[in-house]
Amino acid sequence: DNGGHRPHGDHEPADQVHQDNAGNRPGQPEAVELARRAGEHRQLRERLQAYQQAWNSHDVNAWSAFLTDDIWFTEAWDFYERQKGRTSAVNLFKSNFAESELKLDIAKVRMMPDGTATVAMKEVVSHLPKTDGKYKAVFESDPVISRWRREGTGWKMFFYTSDKGWALAELKKDGMH
């Protein structure tokens, strides 16, 4: 008597492998979901790289194509929500960033249960002109938070702040502290 255990090397016949009601083998739905999430994560990181390139092209239209119509884009804690909307973001870009270069260092990306994504990063904005290899001014913000959602076939940013206190509070809210 082997106590109900199968001898080593004894396997179920192929036609008796356990399947769920959808015909998936154990672990298959989880593997499919993990692959889907990995693909989403990769696409978002590629989108962030393209966002940085659009900023550095100094073309406000190319840059603003990454924003949702209802974007909330701010550098400061915006208690009165004055910085909401693509028009507001474009005006901020034109006045503060059109002659700058951006470098993003992504610290963490979290895919949220509602299908959106939260990105924690360090941002370096270097203002032109560059003289003798040095920028006119350089500003580092860490952390910066941006939130993205799918619109159409791609990811678009619907929230951004480089205000450290607000970014920290929002990252904590999204479980990224």
C-alpha atoms as a PDB file:
ATOM      1  CA  ASP A   1       0.000   0.000   0.000  1.00  0.00           C
ATOM      2  CA  ASN A   2       1.380   3.403  -0.996  1.00  0.00           C
ATOM      3  CA  GLY A   3      -0.990   5.401   1.215  1.00  0.00           C
ATOM      4  CA  GLY A   4      -2.972   6.739  -1.763  1.00  0.00           C
ATOM      5  CA  HIS A   5       0.078   8.335  -3.371  1.00  0.00           C
ATOM      6  CA  ARG A   6       1.050   7.553  -6.932  1.00  0.00           C
ATOM      7  CA  PRO A   7       4.413   5.984  -7.518  1.00  0.00           C
ATOM      8  CA  HIS A   8       7.063   8.405  -8.785  1.00  0.00           C
ATOM      9  CA  GLY A   9       6.742   8.839 -12.540  1.00  0.00           C
ATOM     10  CA  ASP A  10       3.105   7.716 -12.700  1.00  0.00           C
ATOM     11  CA  HIS A  11       1.094  10.466 -14.458  1.00  0.00           C
ATOM     12  CA  GLU A  12      -2.561  10.914 -15.419  1.00  0.00           C
ATOM     13  CA  PRO A  13      -3.328  10.130 -19.037  1.00  0.00           C
ATOM     14  CA  ALA A  14      -3.388  13.238 -21.247  1.00  0.00           C
ATOM     15  CA  ASP A  15      -7.154  13.068 -21.657  1.00  0.00           C
ATOM     16  CA  GLN A  16      -7.621  13.324 -17.880  1.00  0.00           C
ATOM     17  CA  VAL A  17      -5.640  16.545 -17.266  1.00  0.00           C
ATOM     18  CA  HIS A  18      -7.811  18.817 -15.133  1.00  0.00           C
ATOM     19  CA  GLN A  19      -9.458  21.775 -16.856  1.00  0.00           C
ATOM     20  CA  ASP A  20     -11.749  24.511 -15.652  1.00  0.00           C
ATOM     21  CA  ASN A  21     -15.157  25.253 -17.173  1.00  0.00           C
ATOM     22  CA  ALA A  22     -13.572  27.463 -19.853  1.00  0.00           C
ATOM     23  CA  GLY A  23     -11.266  24.628 -20.949  1.00  0.00           C
ATOM     24  CA  ASN A  24      -8.146  26.192 -19.429  1.00  0.00           C
ATOM     25  CA  ARG A  25      -5.563  24.105 -17.679  1.00  0.00           C
ATOM     26  CA  PRO A  26      -4.574  25.070 -14.128  1.00  0.00           C
ATOM     27  CA  GLY A  27      -2.529  28.277 -14.128  1.00  0.00           C
ATOM     28  CA  GLN A  28      -3.389  29.164 -17.735  1.00  0.00           C
ATOM     29  CA  PRO A  29      -5.789  32.073 -17.005  1.00  0.00           C
ATOM     30  CA  GLU A  30      -3.254  33.540 -14.592  1.00  0.00           C
ATOM     31  CA  ALA A  31      -0.496  33.197 -17.182  1.00  0.00           C
ATOM     32  CA  VAL A  32      -2.627  34.894 -19.833  1.00  0.00           C
ATOM     33  CA  GLU A  33      -3.449  37.737 -17.418  1.00  0.00           C
ATOM     34  CA  LEU A  34       0.222  38.136 -16.456  1.00  0.00           C
ATOM     35  CA  ALA A  35       1.209  38.290 -20.131  1.00  0.00           C
ATOM     36  CA  ARG A  36      -1.501  40.881 -20.817  1.00  0.00           C
ATOM     37  CA  ARG A  37      -0.348  43.020 -17.896  1.00  0.00           C
ATOM     38  CA  ALA A  38       3.280  42.741 -18.983  1.00  0.00           C
ATOM     39  CA  GLY A  39       2.268  43.908 -22.453  1.00  0.00           C
ATOM     40  CA  GLU A  40       0.325  46.861 -21.021  1.00  0.00           C
ATOM     41  CA  HIS A  41       3.275  47.770 -18.811  1.00  0.00           C
ATOM     42  CA  ARG A  42       5.670  47.653 -21.787  1.00  0.00           C
ATOM     43  CA  GLN A  43       3.324  49.755 -23.951  1.00  0.00           C
ATOM     44  CA  LEU A  44       3.000  52.360 -21.202  1.00  0.00           C
ATOM     45  CA  ARG A  45       6.786  52.594 -20.747  1.00  0.00           C
ATOM     46  CA  GLU A  46       7.148  53.050 -24.521  1.00  0.00           C
ATOM     47  CA  ARG A  47       4.495  55.757 -24.376  1.00  0.00           C
ATOM     48  CA  LEU A  48       6.384  57.532 -21.577  1.00  0.00           C
ATOM     49  CA  GLN A  49       9.528  57.497 -23.721  1.00  0.00           C
ATOM     50  CA  ALA A  50       7.565  58.951 -26.649  1.00  0.00           C
ATOM     51  CA  TYR A  51       6.085  61.602 -24.307  1.00  0.00           C
ATOM     52  CA  GLN A  52       9.592  62.675 -23.311  1.00  0.00           C
ATOM     53  CA  GLN A  53      10.623  62.837 -26.980  1.00  0.00           C
ATOM     54  CA  ALA A  54       7.553  64.935 -27.852  1.00  0.00           C
ATOM     55  CA  TRP A  55       8.387  67.381 -25.039  1.00  0.00           C
ATOM     56  CA  ASN A  56      11.974  67.645 -26.262  1.00  0.00           C
ATOM     57  CA  SER A  57      10.802  68.341 -29.831  1.00  0.00           C
ATOM     58  CA  HIS A  58       9.431  71.660 -28.451  1.00  0.00           C
ATOM     59  CA  ASP A  59       6.237  71.077 -30.444  1.00  0.00           C
ATOM     60  CA  VAL A  60       3.278  71.846 -28.198  1.00  0.00           C
ATOM     61  CA  ASN A  61       0.861  69.990 -30.491  1.00  0.00           C
ATOM     62  CA  ALA A  62       2.964  66.809 -30.443  1.00  0.00           C
ATOM     63  CA  TRP A  63       3.284  67.065 -26.659  1.00  0.00           C
ATOM     64  CA  SER A  64      -0.396  67.778 -26.032  1.00  0.00           C
ATOM     65  CA  ALA A  65      -1.421  64.740 -28.096  1.00  0.00           C
ATOM     66  CA  PHE A  66      -0.388  62.686 -25.034  1.00  0.00           C
ATOM     67  CA  LEU A  67      -2.940  64.438 -22.812  1.00  0.00           C
ATOM     68  CA  THR A  68      -6.606  63.691 -22.261  1.00  0.00           C
ATOM     69  CA  ASP A  69      -9.066  66.540 -22.760  1.00  0.00           C
ATOM     70  CA  ASP A  70      -9.701  66.528 -18.991  1.00  0.00           C
ATOM     71  CA  ILE A  71      -6.022  66.444 -17.948  1.00  0.00           C
ATOM     72  CA  TRP A  72      -5.192  67.957 -14.572  1.00  0.00           C
ATOM     73  CA  PHE A  73      -1.599  69.126 -15.135  1.00  0.00           C
ATOM     74  CA  THR A  74       0.045  71.179 -12.436  1.00  0.00           C
ATOM     75  CA  GLU A  75       3.336  72.031 -10.792  1.00  0.00           C
ATOM     76  CA  ALA A  76       1.715  73.096  -7.527  1.00  0.00           C
ATOM     77  CA  TRP A  77      -0.985  71.798  -5.225  1.00  0.00           C
ATOM     78  CA  ASP A  78      -4.015  73.052  -7.143  1.00  0.00           C
ATOM     79  CA  PHE A  79      -6.644  73.462  -4.402  1.00  0.00           C
ATOM     80  CA  TYR A  80      -8.999  75.384  -6.698  1.00  0.00           C
ATOM     81  CA  GLU A  81      -8.534  73.040  -9.681  1.00  0.00           C
ATOM     82  CA  ARG A  82      -7.534  75.909 -11.964  1.00  0.00           C
ATOM     83  CA  GLN A  83      -5.095  73.776 -13.936  1.00  0.00           C
ATOM     84  CA  LYS A  84      -7.663  71.372 -15.360  1.00  0.00           C
ATOM     85  CA  GLY A  85      -8.105  70.796 -19.072  1.00  0.00           C
ATOM     86  CA  ARG A  86      -5.871  70.468 -22.101  1.00  0.00           C
ATOM     87  CA  THR A  87      -5.995  74.225 -22.829  1.00  0.00           C
ATOM     88  CA  SER A  88      -4.653  75.012 -19.367  1.00  0.00           C
ATOM     89  CA  ALA A  89      -1.873  72.436 -19.752  1.00  0.00           C
ATOM     90  CA  VAL A  90      -0.923  73.783 -23.183  1.00  0.00           C
ATOM     91  CA  ASN A  91      -0.740  77.334 -21.814  1.00  0.00           C
ATOM     92  CA  LEU A  92       1.469  76.156 -18.940  1.00  0.00           C
ATOM     93  CA  PHE A  93       3.714  74.305 -21.393  1.00  0.00           C
ATOM     94  CA  LYS A  94       3.985  77.334 -23.684  1.00  0.00           C
ATOM     95  CA  SER A  95       4.872  79.682 -20.833  1.00  0.00           C
ATOM     96  CA  ASN A  96       7.145  77.416 -18.738  1.00  0.00           C
ATOM     97  CA  PHE A  97       8.409  74.492 -20.790  1.00  0.00           C
ATOM     98  CA  ALA A  98       8.491  75.258 -24.513  1.00  0.00           C
ATOM     99  CA  GLU A  99      12.192  76.053 -24.274  1.00  0.00           C
ATOM    100  CA  SER A 100      13.274  73.250 -21.997  1.00  0.00           C
ATOM    101  CA  GLU A 101      14.409  69.668 -22.169  1.00  0.00           C
ATOM    102  CA  LEU A 102      12.898  66.881 -20.129  1.00  0.00           C
ATOM    103  CA  LYS A 103      14.429  63.766 -18.638  1.00  0.00           C
ATOM    104  CA  LEU A 104      12.215  61.243 -16.855  1.00  0.00           C
ATOM    105  CA  ASP A 105      13.539  58.489 -14.608  1.00  0.00           C
ATOM    106  CA  ILE A 106      10.698  56.080 -13.977  1.00  0.00           C
ATOM    107  CA  ALA A 107      10.811  54.720 -10.438  1.00  0.00           C
ATOM    108  CA  LYS A 108       7.685  52.585 -10.478  1.00  0.00           C
ATOM    109  CA  VAL A 109       4.646  51.831 -12.590  1.00  0.00           C
ATOM    110  CA  ARG A 110       1.531  50.370 -11.018  1.00  0.00           C
ATOM    111  CA  MET A 111      -1.345  49.058 -13.069  1.00  0.00           C
ATOM    112  CA  MET A 112      -4.476  49.946 -11.114  1.00  0.00           C
ATOM    113  CA  PRO A 113      -7.566  47.721 -10.747  1.00  0.00           C
ATOM    114  CA  ASP A 114      -9.664  50.197 -12.776  1.00  0.00           C
ATOM    115  CA  GLY A 115      -7.384  49.799 -15.825  1.00  0.00           C
ATOM    116  CA  THR A 116      -5.501  53.057 -15.319  1.00  0.00           C
ATOM    117  CA  ALA A 117      -1.817  53.268 -14.443  1.00  0.00           C
ATOM    118  CA  THR A 118       0.075  55.348 -11.912  1.00  0.00           C
ATOM    119  CA  VAL A 119       3.664  56.300 -12.650  1.00  0.00           C
ATOM    120  CA  ALA A 120       6.115  57.519 -10.011  1.00  0.00           C
ATOM    121  CA  MET A 121       9.198  59.186 -11.418  1.00  0.00           C
ATOM    122  CA  LYS A 122      11.940  61.718 -11.030  1.00  0.00           C
ATOM    123  CA  GLU A 123      11.800  64.580 -13.484  1.00  0.00           C
ATOM    124  CA  VAL A 124      14.569  66.917 -14.577  1.00  0.00           C
ATOM    125  CA  VAL A 125      13.554  70.002 -16.560  1.00  0.00           C
ATOM    126  CA  SER A 126      16.525  71.843 -18.046  1.00  0.00           C
ATOM    127  CA  HIS A 127      15.820  75.290 -19.459  1.00  0.00           C
ATOM    128  CA  LEU A 128      17.481  76.463 -22.634  1.00  0.00           C
ATOM    129  CA  PRO A 129      19.606  78.072 -23.888  1.00  0.00           C
ATOM    130  CA  LYS A 130      22.590  75.952 -23.160  1.00  0.00           C
ATOM    131  CA  THR A 131      25.801  77.987 -22.885  1.00  0.00           C
ATOM    132  CA  ASP A 132      29.239  76.404 -22.507  1.00  0.00           C
ATOM    133  CA  GLY A 133      27.532  73.049 -21.912  1.00  0.00           C
ATOM    134  CA  LYS A 134      25.353  74.392 -19.098  1.00  0.00           C
ATOM    135  CA  TYR A 135      21.638  75.014 -19.096  1.00  0.00           C
ATOM    136  CA  LYS A 136      20.170  78.369 -18.096  1.00  0.00           C
ATOM    137  CA  ALA A 137      18.423  76.631 -15.175  1.00  0.00           C
ATOM    138  CA  VAL A 138      17.777  73.048 -14.069  1.00  0.00           C
ATOM    139  CA  PHE A 139      14.893  71.931 -11.877  1.00  0.00           C
ATOM    140  CA  GLU A 140      14.609  68.442 -10.381  1.00  0.00           C
ATOM    141  CA  SER A 141      11.344  67.121  -9.000  1.00  0.00           C
ATOM    142  CA  ASP A 142      11.216  63.862  -7.078  1.00  0.00           C
ATOM    143  CA  PRO A 143       8.732  62.343  -6.852  1.00  0.00           C
ATOM    144  CA  VAL A 144       6.479  63.323  -9.720  1.00  0.00           C
ATOM    145  CA  ILE A 145       3.242  61.434 -10.297  1.00  0.00           C
ATOM    146  CA  SER A 146       1.355  60.925 -13.512  1.00  0.00           C
ATOM    147  CA  ARG A 147      -1.739  58.862 -14.122  1.00  0.00           C
ATOM    148  CA  TRP A 148      -2.551  57.349 -17.477  1.00  0.00           C
ATOM    149  CA  ARG A 149      -5.563  55.674 -19.059  1.00  0.00           C
ATOM    150  CA  ARG A 150      -6.276  54.062 -22.367  1.00  0.00           C
ATOM    151  CA  GLU A 151      -8.069  56.217 -24.909  1.00  0.00           C
ATOM    152  CA  GLY A 152      -8.513  54.801 -28.355  1.00  0.00           C
ATOM    153  CA  THR A 153      -5.477  52.688 -29.140  1.00  0.00           C
ATOM    154  CA  GLY A 154      -3.015  54.282 -26.765  1.00  0.00           C
ATOM    155  CA  TRP A 155      -2.225  55.561 -23.311  1.00  0.00           C
ATOM    156  CA  LYS A 156      -2.931  59.202 -22.457  1.00  0.00           C
ATOM    157  CA  MET A 157      -2.077  61.171 -19.341  1.00  0.00           C
ATOM    158  CA  PHE A 158      -5.036  62.427 -17.301  1.00  0.00           C
ATOM    159  CA  PHE A 159      -3.245  63.631 -14.140  1.00  0.00           C
ATOM    160  CA  TYR A 160       0.200  65.048 -13.410  1.00  0.00           C
ATOM    161  CA  THR A 161       1.834  66.973 -10.608  1.00  0.00           C
ATOM    162  CA  SER A 162       5.414  67.771  -9.764  1.00  0.00           C
ATOM    163  CA  ASP A 163       4.434  69.242  -6.393  1.00  0.00           C
ATOM    164  CA  LYS A 164       6.298  66.972  -3.975  1.00  0.00           C
ATOM    165  CA  GLY A 165       3.735  67.027  -1.161  1.00  0.00           C
ATOM    166  CA  TRP A 166       0.812  66.369  -3.461  1.00  0.00           C
ATOM    167  CA  ALA A 167       2.721  63.714  -5.409  1.00  0.00           C
ATOM    168  CA  LEU A 168       3.606  61.889  -2.180  1.00  0.00           C
ATOM    169  CA  ALA A 169      -0.023  62.016  -0.994  1.00  0.00           C
ATOM    170  CA  GLU A 170      -1.336  60.698  -4.311  1.00  0.00           C
ATOM    171  CA  LEU A 171       1.298  57.951  -4.512  1.00  0.00           C
ATOM    172  CA  LYS A 172       0.321  56.846  -1.020  1.00  0.00           C
ATOM    173  CA  LYS A 173      -3.341  56.849  -2.040  1.00  0.00           C
ATOM    174  CA  ASP A 174      -2.420  54.570  -4.963  1.00  0.00           C
ATOM    175  CA  GLY A 175      -0.429  52.194  -2.725  1.00  0.00           C
ATOM    176  CA  MET A 176       2.984  53.308  -3.984  1.00  0.00           C
ATOM    177  CA  HIS A 177       4.549  54.860  -0.875  1.00  0.00           C
END
